[in-house]
Amino acid sequence: MAEILSAAVVLFFRIVEILILLRIIISWIPFRRENRFIIFIYTVTEPILSPIRNLIARSAFGKNLMFDFSPILAYLLLGFLEYVFILIIDRL
């Protein structure tokens, strides 16, 4: 049971990471934003990236940044959360 749950957690985090990567790539390419797939990607990733972006903007480091570091920090945070969840599942 724990193995199946661990695999599901890993799969979930990989899908979220892939969606964030797709969002980064989409932001570089001029696509029409009315596309349903693009709307889906933004809808899924915005609740993850927006709070991180707001924290960066409030910090002294993020006042005049021209590059969005929120996906990088999201990857780090997601990796940490995945590790914690896997540890919790293994102890069950």
Protein backbone atom coordinates (compact mmCIF):
# COMPACT_ATOMS: atom_id res chain seq x y z
CA MET A 1 0.00 0.00 0.00
CA ALA A 2 2.78 2.43 0.89
CA GLU A 3 4.54 1.74 -2.41
CA ILE A 4 1.44 2.60 -4.42
CA LEU A 5 0.88 5.76 -2.40
CA SER A 6 4.53 6.76 -2.81
CA ALA A 7 4.30 6.22 -6.58
CA ALA A 8 1.14 8.34 -6.71
CA VAL A 9 2.82 11.17 -4.79
CA VAL A 10 5.86 11.07 -7.09
CA LEU A 11 3.63 11.04 -10.17
CA PHE A 12 1.60 13.99 -8.88
CA PHE A 13 4.69 16.10 -8.25
CA ARG A 14 6.20 15.18 -11.64
CA ILE A 15 3.02 16.28 -13.41
CA VAL A 16 2.99 19.60 -11.55
CA GLU A 17 6.68 20.15 -12.35
CA ILE A 18 6.07 19.40 -16.04
CA LEU A 19 3.16 21.85 -16.09
CA ILE A 20 5.38 24.55 -14.57
CA LEU A 21 8.04 23.82 -17.18
CA LEU A 22 5.43 24.05 -19.94
CA ARG A 23 4.29 27.38 -18.54
CA ILE A 24 7.87 28.68 -18.67
CA ILE A 25 8.24 27.58 -22.29
CA ILE A 26 4.83 29.02 -23.22
CA SER A 27 5.81 32.37 -21.72
CA TRP A 28 8.74 32.57 -24.17
CA ILE A 29 6.70 31.70 -27.27
CA PRO A 30 3.96 34.02 -28.53
CA PHE A 31 0.91 31.73 -28.32
CA ARG A 32 -2.68 32.83 -28.28
CA ARG A 33 -3.74 32.85 -24.64
CA GLU A 34 -7.30 31.74 -25.49
CA ASN A 35 -6.13 28.18 -26.12
CA ARG A 36 -7.81 25.77 -23.67
CA PHE A 37 -4.59 23.90 -22.95
CA ILE A 38 -2.75 27.13 -22.12
CA ILE A 39 -5.63 28.27 -19.92
CA PHE A 40 -5.49 24.89 -18.13
CA ILE A 41 -1.74 25.21 -17.54
CA TYR A 42 -2.11 28.73 -16.14
CA THR A 43 -5.08 27.68 -13.98
CA VAL A 44 -3.15 24.78 -12.43
CA THR A 45 0.19 26.55 -11.93
CA GLU A 46 -0.93 30.02 -10.86
CA PRO A 47 -1.97 28.96 -7.32
CA ILE A 48 1.57 27.63 -6.85
CA LEU A 49 3.52 30.45 -8.49
CA SER A 50 1.49 33.47 -7.39
CA PRO A 51 2.20 33.26 -3.62
CA ILE A 52 5.89 32.70 -4.31
CA ARG A 53 5.93 35.63 -6.73
CA ASN A 54 4.26 37.84 -4.10
CA LEU A 55 6.81 36.83 -1.45
CA ILE A 56 9.65 37.65 -3.81
CA ALA A 57 8.10 41.02 -4.70
CA ARG A 58 7.80 41.95 -1.01
CA SER A 59 11.40 41.08 -0.23
CA ALA A 60 14.28 43.51 -0.61
CA PHE A 61 15.77 41.13 -3.16
CA GLY A 62 12.77 41.17 -5.49
CA LYS A 63 11.91 44.82 -5.84
CA ASN A 64 13.50 45.45 -9.24
CA LEU A 65 13.91 41.99 -10.72
CA MET A 66 13.36 41.59 -14.42
CA PHE A 67 13.44 37.79 -14.24
CA ASP A 68 10.73 35.73 -12.57
CA PHE A 69 12.39 33.43 -10.04
CA SER A 70 9.11 31.95 -8.79
CA PRO A 71 9.32 28.78 -10.95
CA ILE A 72 12.80 28.05 -9.60
CA LEU A 73 11.66 28.46 -6.01
CA ALA A 74 8.52 26.44 -6.79
CA TYR A 75 10.70 23.55 -8.01
CA LEU A 76 12.71 23.68 -4.80
CA LEU A 77 9.59 23.85 -2.64
CA LEU A 78 7.88 21.03 -4.55
CA GLY A 79 10.98 18.86 -4.21
CA PHE A 80 11.07 19.47 -0.47
CA LEU A 81 7.35 18.73 -0.08
CA GLU A 82 7.68 15.56 -2.12
CA TYR A 83 10.55 14.42 0.11
CA VAL A 84 8.52 15.13 3.26
CA PHE A 85 5.46 13.29 1.94
CA ILE A 86 7.53 10.27 0.94
CA LEU A 87 9.11 10.19 4.42
CA ILE A 88 5.67 10.33 6.04
CA ILE A 89 4.35 7.57 3.80
CA ASP A 90 7.37 5.35 4.51
CA ARG A 91 6.76 5.64 8.26
CA LEU A 92 3.16 4.43 7.97
